[in-house]
Structure formats: structure tokens, C-alpha cells
C-alpha atoms as a PDB file:
ATOM      1  CA  MET A   1       8.239  -9.612  13.801  1.00  0.00           C
ATOM      2  CA  LEU A   2       4.724 -10.777  14.734  1.00  0.00           C
ATOM      3  CA  GLN A   3       4.161  -7.658  16.843  1.00  0.00           C
ATOM      4  CA  LYS A   4       5.170  -5.367  13.978  1.00  0.00           C
ATOM      5  CA  ALA A   5       2.954  -7.242  11.476  1.00  0.00           C
ATOM      6  CA  GLU A   6      -0.012  -7.038  13.846  1.00  0.00           C
ATOM      7  CA  ALA A   7       0.664  -3.377  14.642  1.00  0.00           C
ATOM      8  CA  ILE A   8       0.644  -2.479  10.926  1.00  0.00           C
ATOM      9  CA  TYR A   9      -2.519  -4.549  10.397  1.00  0.00           C
ATOM     10  CA  HIS A  10      -4.354  -2.857  13.278  1.00  0.00           C
ATOM     11  CA  LYS A  11      -3.190   0.650  12.377  1.00  0.00           C
ATOM     12  CA  ALA A  12      -4.362   0.268   8.767  1.00  0.00           C
ATOM     13  CA  ASN A  13      -7.695  -1.259   9.746  1.00  0.00           C
ATOM     14  CA  GLU A  14      -8.289   1.472  12.330  1.00  0.00           C
ATOM     15  CA  LEU A  15      -7.932   4.041   9.526  1.00  0.00           C
ATOM     16  CA  VAL A  16     -10.409   2.104   7.380  1.00  0.00           C
ATOM     17  CA  ARG A  17     -12.851   1.932  10.290  1.00  0.00           C
ATOM     18  CA  ARG A  18     -12.436   5.610  11.130  1.00  0.00           C
ATOM     19  CA  CYS A  19     -12.827   6.792   7.520  1.00  0.00           C
ATOM     20  CA  GLY A  20     -15.495   4.242   6.539  1.00  0.00           C
ATOM     21  CA  THR A  21     -13.804   3.351   3.257  1.00  0.00           C
ATOM     22  CA  ARG A  22     -10.951   1.467   1.607  1.00  0.00           C
ATOM     23  CA  ASP A  23     -10.615   4.196  -1.021  1.00  0.00           C
ATOM     24  CA  THR A  24      -7.112   5.459  -0.283  1.00  0.00           C
ATOM     25  CA  LEU A  25      -7.646   8.840  -1.950  1.00  0.00           C
ATOM     26  CA  ARG A  26     -10.627   9.459   0.340  1.00  0.00           C
ATOM     27  CA  ILE A  27      -8.707   8.185   3.357  1.00  0.00           C
ATOM     28  CA  ALA A  28      -5.842  10.594   2.634  1.00  0.00           C
ATOM     29  CA  SER A  29      -8.280  13.484   2.391  1.00  0.00           C
ATOM     30  CA  GLU A  30     -10.113  12.439   5.575  1.00  0.00           C
ATOM     31  CA  ILE A  31      -6.885  12.384   7.605  1.00  0.00           C
ATOM     32  CA  GLY A  32      -5.620  15.715   6.286  1.00  0.00           C
ATOM     33  CA  ILE A  33      -3.089  14.686   3.668  1.00  0.00           C
ATOM     34  CA  TYR A  34      -3.030  16.859   0.559  1.00  0.00           C
ATOM     35  CA  ILE A  35      -3.102  14.886  -2.706  1.00  0.00           C
ATOM     36  CA  HIS A  36      -1.437  16.330  -5.789  1.00  0.00           C
ATOM     37  CA  GLN A  37      -1.809  14.730  -9.211  1.00  0.00           C
ATOM     38  CA  ILE A  38       1.382  15.537 -11.125  1.00  0.00           C
ATOM     39  CA  GLY A  39       1.614  15.103 -14.884  1.00  0.00           C
ATOM     40  CA  GLY A  40       5.357  15.618 -15.319  1.00  0.00           C
ATOM     41  CA  PHE A  41       6.553  12.421 -13.641  1.00  0.00           C
ATOM     42  CA  LYS A  42       8.248   9.993 -16.004  1.00  0.00           C
ATOM     43  CA  GLU A  43       8.933   6.897 -13.859  1.00  0.00           C
ATOM     44  CA  LEU A  44       8.050   8.107 -10.366  1.00  0.00           C
ATOM     45  CA  LEU A  45       4.655   6.792  -9.317  1.00  0.00           C
ATOM     46  CA  GLY A  46       4.347   8.542  -5.997  1.00  0.00           C
ATOM     47  CA  MET A  47       6.061  10.375  -3.204  1.00  0.00           C
ATOM     48  CA  TYR A  48       5.233  11.297   0.381  1.00  0.00           C
ATOM     49  CA  SER A  49       6.418  14.533   1.944  1.00  0.00           C
ATOM     50  CA  TYR A  50       6.038  16.074   5.382  1.00  0.00           C
ATOM     51  CA  GLN A  51       7.166  19.695   5.454  1.00  0.00           C
ATOM     52  CA  HIS A  52       6.179  22.551   7.771  1.00  0.00           C
ATOM     53  CA  LYS A  53       3.537  20.413   9.520  1.00  0.00           C
ATOM     54  CA  GLU A  54       1.812  19.667   6.212  1.00  0.00           C
ATOM     55  CA  ARG A  55       1.535  16.188   4.745  1.00  0.00           C
ATOM     56  CA  HIS A  56       1.500  15.747   0.983  1.00  0.00           C
ATOM     57  CA  ILE A  57       1.237  12.836  -1.413  1.00  0.00           C
ATOM     58  CA  LEU A  58       2.310  13.435  -4.985  1.00  0.00           C
ATOM     59  CA  LEU A  59       0.837  10.945  -7.444  1.00  0.00           C
ATOM     60  CA  ASN A  60       1.651  10.443 -11.094  1.00  0.00           C
ATOM     61  CA  SER A  61      -1.510  11.557 -12.888  1.00  0.00           C
ATOM     62  CA  ASN A  62      -0.989   9.015 -15.671  1.00  0.00           C
ATOM     63  CA  MET A  63      -1.688   5.964 -13.474  1.00  0.00           C
ATOM     64  CA  ASP A  64      -4.827   3.870 -13.832  1.00  0.00           C
ATOM     65  CA  CYS A  65      -7.272   3.861 -10.907  1.00  0.00           C
ATOM     66  CA  ILE A  66      -6.108   0.536  -9.426  1.00  0.00           C
ATOM     67  CA  THR A  67      -2.450   1.586  -9.437  1.00  0.00           C
ATOM     68  CA  ALA A  68      -3.265   5.049  -8.075  1.00  0.00           C
ATOM     69  CA  GLN A  69      -5.197   3.469  -5.183  1.00  0.00           C
ATOM     70  CA  MET A  70      -2.282   1.140  -4.418  1.00  0.00           C
ATOM     71  CA  VAL A  71       0.391   3.856  -4.633  1.00  0.00           C
ATOM     72  CA  CYS A  72      -1.689   6.239  -2.512  1.00  0.00           C
ATOM     73  CA  GLY A  73      -2.126   3.487   0.098  1.00  0.00           C
ATOM     74  CA  HIS A  74       1.626   2.903   0.067  1.00  0.00           C
ATOM     75  CA  GLU A  75       2.261   6.625   0.649  1.00  0.00           C
ATOM     76  CA  ILE A  76      -0.337   6.713   3.455  1.00  0.00           C
ATOM     77  CA  GLY A  77       1.686   3.856   4.948  1.00  0.00           C
ATOM     78  CA  HIS A  78       4.732   6.104   4.967  1.00  0.00           C
ATOM     79  CA  ASP A  79       2.662   8.812   6.662  1.00  0.00           C
ATOM     80  CA  ALA A  80       1.388   6.431   9.329  1.00  0.00           C
ATOM     81  CA  LEU A  81       4.646   4.570   9.913  1.00  0.00           C
ATOM     82  CA  HIS A  82       7.570   6.750   8.792  1.00  0.00           C
ATOM     83  CA  ARG A  83       6.570  10.381   9.192  1.00  0.00           C
ATOM     84  CA  ASP A  84       9.677  11.199  11.237  1.00  0.00           C
ATOM     85  CA  GLN A  85      11.952   9.936   8.451  1.00  0.00           C
ATOM     86  CA  ALA A  86      10.063  12.079   5.924  1.00  0.00           C
ATOM     87  CA  LYS A  87      10.812  15.215   7.955  1.00  0.00           C
ATOM     88  CA  ILE A  88      14.468  14.786   7.072  1.00  0.00           C
ATOM     89  CA  GLY A  89      15.421  15.933   3.596  1.00  0.00           C
ATOM     90  CA  MET A  90      13.030  15.961   0.650  1.00  0.00           C
ATOM     91  CA  GLY A  91      10.481  13.368   1.707  1.00  0.00           C
ATOM     92  CA  LEU A  92      10.253   9.688   0.879  1.00  0.00           C
ATOM     93  CA  GLN A  93      10.775   9.196  -2.814  1.00  0.00           C
ATOM     94  CA  GLU A  94      10.209   5.874  -4.506  1.00  0.00           C
ATOM     95  CA  PHE A  95      13.334   5.669  -6.619  1.00  0.00           C
ATOM     96  CA  THR A  96      13.561   1.932  -5.998  1.00  0.00           C
ATOM     97  CA  LEU A  97       9.888   1.250  -6.438  1.00  0.00           C
ATOM     98  CA  PHE A  98       8.333  -0.817  -3.707  1.00  0.00           C
ATOM     99  CA  ASP A  99      11.655  -2.416  -2.764  1.00  0.00           C
ATOM    100  CA  MET A 100      10.831  -5.413  -0.574  1.00  0.00           C
ATOM    101  CA  ARG A 101      14.403  -5.548   0.735  1.00  0.00           C
ATOM    102  CA  ASN A 102      14.005  -2.099   2.285  1.00  0.00           C
ATOM    103  CA  GLU A 103      12.123  -2.388   5.580  1.00  0.00           C
ATOM    104  CA  MET A 104      10.314   0.955   5.256  1.00  0.00           C
ATOM    105  CA  GLU A 105       9.152   0.123   1.728  1.00  0.00           C
ATOM    106  CA  TYR A 106       7.969  -3.345   2.747  1.00  0.00           C
ATOM    107  CA  GLU A 107       6.068  -1.894   5.708  1.00  0.00           C
ATOM    108  CA  ALA A 108       4.410   0.698   3.451  1.00  0.00           C
ATOM    109  CA  ASN A 109       3.441  -2.117   1.054  1.00  0.00           C
ATOM    110  CA  ALA A 110       1.963  -4.157   3.912  1.00  0.00           C
ATOM    111  CA  PHE A 111       0.065  -1.101   5.129  1.00  0.00           C
ATOM    112  CA  ALA A 112      -1.326  -0.496   1.625  1.00  0.00           C
ATOM    113  CA  ALA A 113      -2.376  -4.145   1.373  1.00  0.00           C
ATOM    114  CA  HIS A 114      -4.289  -3.902   4.656  1.00  0.00           C
ATOM    115  CA  LEU A 115      -5.897  -0.599   3.637  1.00  0.00           C
ATOM    116  CA  ARG A 116      -7.066  -1.847   0.245  1.00  0.00           C
ATOM    117  CA  ILE A 117      -7.931  -5.491   0.962  1.00  0.00           C
ATOM    118  CA  ASP A 118     -10.551  -6.618   3.456  1.00  0.00           C
ATOM    119  CA  SER A 119      -9.248  -9.689   5.296  1.00  0.00           C
ATOM    120  CA  GLU A 120     -12.648 -11.327   5.784  1.00  0.00           C
ATOM    121  CA  GLU A 121     -13.586 -10.956   2.120  1.00  0.00           C
ATOM    122  CA  LEU A 122     -10.159 -12.241   1.038  1.00  0.00           C
ATOM    123  CA  LEU A 123     -10.400 -15.279   3.332  1.00  0.00           C
ATOM    124  CA  LYS A 124     -13.929 -16.047   2.121  1.00  0.00           C
ATOM    125  CA  LEU A 125     -12.908 -15.856  -1.544  1.00  0.00           C
ATOM    126  CA  ALA A 126      -9.723 -17.843  -0.963  1.00  0.00           C
ATOM    127  CA  GLY A 127     -11.836 -20.462   0.808  1.00  0.00           C
ATOM    128  CA  HIS A 128     -13.884 -20.810  -2.387  1.00  0.00           C
ATOM    129  CA  GLY A 129     -10.705 -21.799  -4.211  1.00  0.00           C
ATOM    130  CA  TYR A 130      -9.883 -18.640  -6.141  1.00  0.00           C
ATOM    131  CA  ASP A 131      -6.198 -18.255  -6.994  1.00  0.00           C
ATOM    132  CA  VAL A 132      -4.227 -15.025  -6.453  1.00  0.00           C
ATOM    133  CA  VAL A 133      -4.827 -13.781 -10.004  1.00  0.00           C
ATOM    134  CA  GLN A 134      -8.573 -14.320  -9.671  1.00  0.00           C
ATOM    135  CA  LEU A 135      -8.535 -12.721  -6.215  1.00  0.00           C
ATOM    136  CA  SER A 136      -6.767  -9.640  -7.544  1.00  0.00           C
ATOM    137  CA  SER A 137      -9.324  -9.298 -10.322  1.00  0.00           C
ATOM    138  CA  ILE A 138     -12.326  -9.749  -8.033  1.00  0.00           C
ATOM    139  CA  MET A 139     -10.899  -7.397  -5.410  1.00  0.00           C
ATOM    140  CA  GLU A 140      -9.744  -4.867  -8.010  1.00  0.00           C
ATOM    141  CA  THR A 141      -6.133  -4.663  -6.946  1.00  0.00           C
ATOM    142  CA  ASN A 142      -2.684  -5.698  -8.096  1.00  0.00           C
ATOM    143  CA  VAL A 143      -1.811  -9.389  -7.753  1.00  0.00           C
ATOM    144  CA  ASN A 144       1.376  -8.458  -5.888  1.00  0.00           C
ATOM    145  CA  LEU A 145      -0.653  -6.560  -3.286  1.00  0.00           C
ATOM    146  CA  ILE A 146      -2.773  -9.706  -2.783  1.00  0.00           C
ATOM    147  CA  LEU A 147       0.423 -11.702  -2.260  1.00  0.00           C
ATOM    148  CA  ILE A 148       1.743  -9.162   0.239  1.00  0.00           C
ATOM    149  CA  LYS A 149      -1.567  -9.304   2.126  1.00  0.00           C
ATOM    150  CA  LEU A 150      -1.491 -13.117   2.212  1.00  0.00           C
ATOM    151  CA  ASN A 151       2.162 -13.068   3.290  1.00  0.00           C
ATOM    152  CA  GLU A 152       1.284 -10.671   6.102  1.00  0.00           C
ATOM    153  CA  LEU A 153      -1.616 -12.885   7.197  1.00  0.00           C
ATOM    154  CA  ASN A 154       0.844 -15.799   7.255  1.00  0.00           C
ATOM    155  CA  ARG A 155       3.161 -13.752   9.475  1.00  0.00           C
ATOM    156  CA  MET A 156       0.197 -13.367  11.855  1.00  0.00           C
ATOM    157  CA  GLY A 157      -0.381 -17.118  12.041  1.00  0.00           C
ATOM    158  CA  LEU A 158      -2.390 -18.206   9.006  1.00  0.00           C
ATOM    159  CA  GLN A 159      -1.093 -20.915   6.706  1.00  0.00           C
ATOM    160  CA  PHE A 160      -1.506 -19.841   3.074  1.00  0.00           C
ATOM    161  CA  ASN A 161       0.608 -21.728   0.580  1.00  0.00           C
ATOM    162  CA  LEU A 162       1.775 -18.832  -1.561  1.00  0.00           C
ATOM    163  CA  PRO A 163       2.810 -19.489  -5.167  1.00  0.00           C
ATOM    164  CA  TYR A 164       5.550 -16.870  -4.854  1.00  0.00           C
ATOM    165  CA  ILE A 165       6.514 -13.721  -3.014  1.00  0.00           C
ATOM    166  CA  PRO A 166       6.320 -10.545  -5.116  1.00  0.00           C
ATOM    167  CA  CYS A 167       9.516  -9.342  -6.740  1.00  0.00           C
ATOM    168  CA  SER A 168      11.123  -6.445  -4.929  1.00  0.00           C
ATOM    169  CA  ASP A 169      10.510  -4.143  -7.864  1.00  0.00           C
ATOM    170  CA  PHE A 170       7.122  -5.330  -9.112  1.00  0.00           C
ATOM    171  CA  LEU A 171       5.994  -1.837 -10.059  1.00  0.00           C
ATOM    172  CA  LYS A 172       8.951  -1.051 -12.313  1.00  0.00           C
ATOM    173  CA  ASN A 173       6.970  -2.454 -15.248  1.00  0.00           C
ATOM    174  CA  VAL A 174       4.054  -0.102 -14.695  1.00  0.00           C
ATOM    175  CA  THR A 175       3.841   2.201 -17.654  1.00  0.00           C
ATOM    176  CA  VAL A 176       2.400   5.662 -17.210  1.00  0.00           C
END
């Protein structure tokens, strides 16, 4: 478990280092993933597809910037960690949005958290006593992504006392 958590952490941070940004839309472009903003999605926030040696992320065009960054990071996680599974069938669709009980979805969430949230900055701010809601506001991300990041840091040996673990379907209430 520790090895997998550290592997995801290092893989995400290597992408950030290589691309020089935590902007997931820019990262996707830098690594050759085509981004498509789709207006016809009702509940689907995003989807990753790998077909004919081309990688694509479809994003709901009605999402706010913070949600789009998070969903794009999640889909990049699928590209980095689950590309072989996406080759089978129609790609990885988020019908059960960010389901924490599904290992692939949890791993993609953890990857997104590491892409979007700088560990050193998070630790510094947490050391100043900010709570998870304040941290999410300061770091311009979803509070559940902060919790996933802190949970992952705990899995790697830190000792954060987390107020709760995000619900398995925390994005189902996102309205687009």
C-alpha cells in the first residue's frame, strides 16, 4: 500500500516538474493528450479515452475552473495509471463519479490531488493552523481533494488528524 501511494505521488510530481505547472489543462496538452470541451453532457463531468494510439480527455464545458482542473487531473491520473484498461471498450467513463471504493477511481483521485496540490505549501499552511476548508480556499481546489491529499500523505507516514474522509461520490452534487 505504501509503495503504491509513493509511486502515485512520485509519478504525479514528476509530471509537474517536467511540465513546470500544476495547471492540469496545460499538463494534458504538454504530454500529448487532446482536451475536448463538450457542452452536451448532463451529469458526466469527464471521461478519458485511449483509442488508436491517441489519448483524449472529454470535459463537461459547463464546469467552473476549479472543478475542471480537478476533473482533468483525475483523467490524467487514468492516463498515467490505467491506460491499458482504457484501451478496452469505450474508455474510462465516470458513471459513479469519483467512487472511492473503486481502486482505479481512488488512484485517479490521489493522482489529481498530487498534481494540483503542492505538498510543501500544504504542509506550511497546515502548520499555520488552517483547517481543510480554509486550505481548499487558499489553494483554490475542492475540499475533498485536500482531504484526499492529506490522506495520501498519511499513507506515506505523516500524521494528520483528518476530520473525515471524503464521501465516495463527492462530485455527484456538482451542478453543471
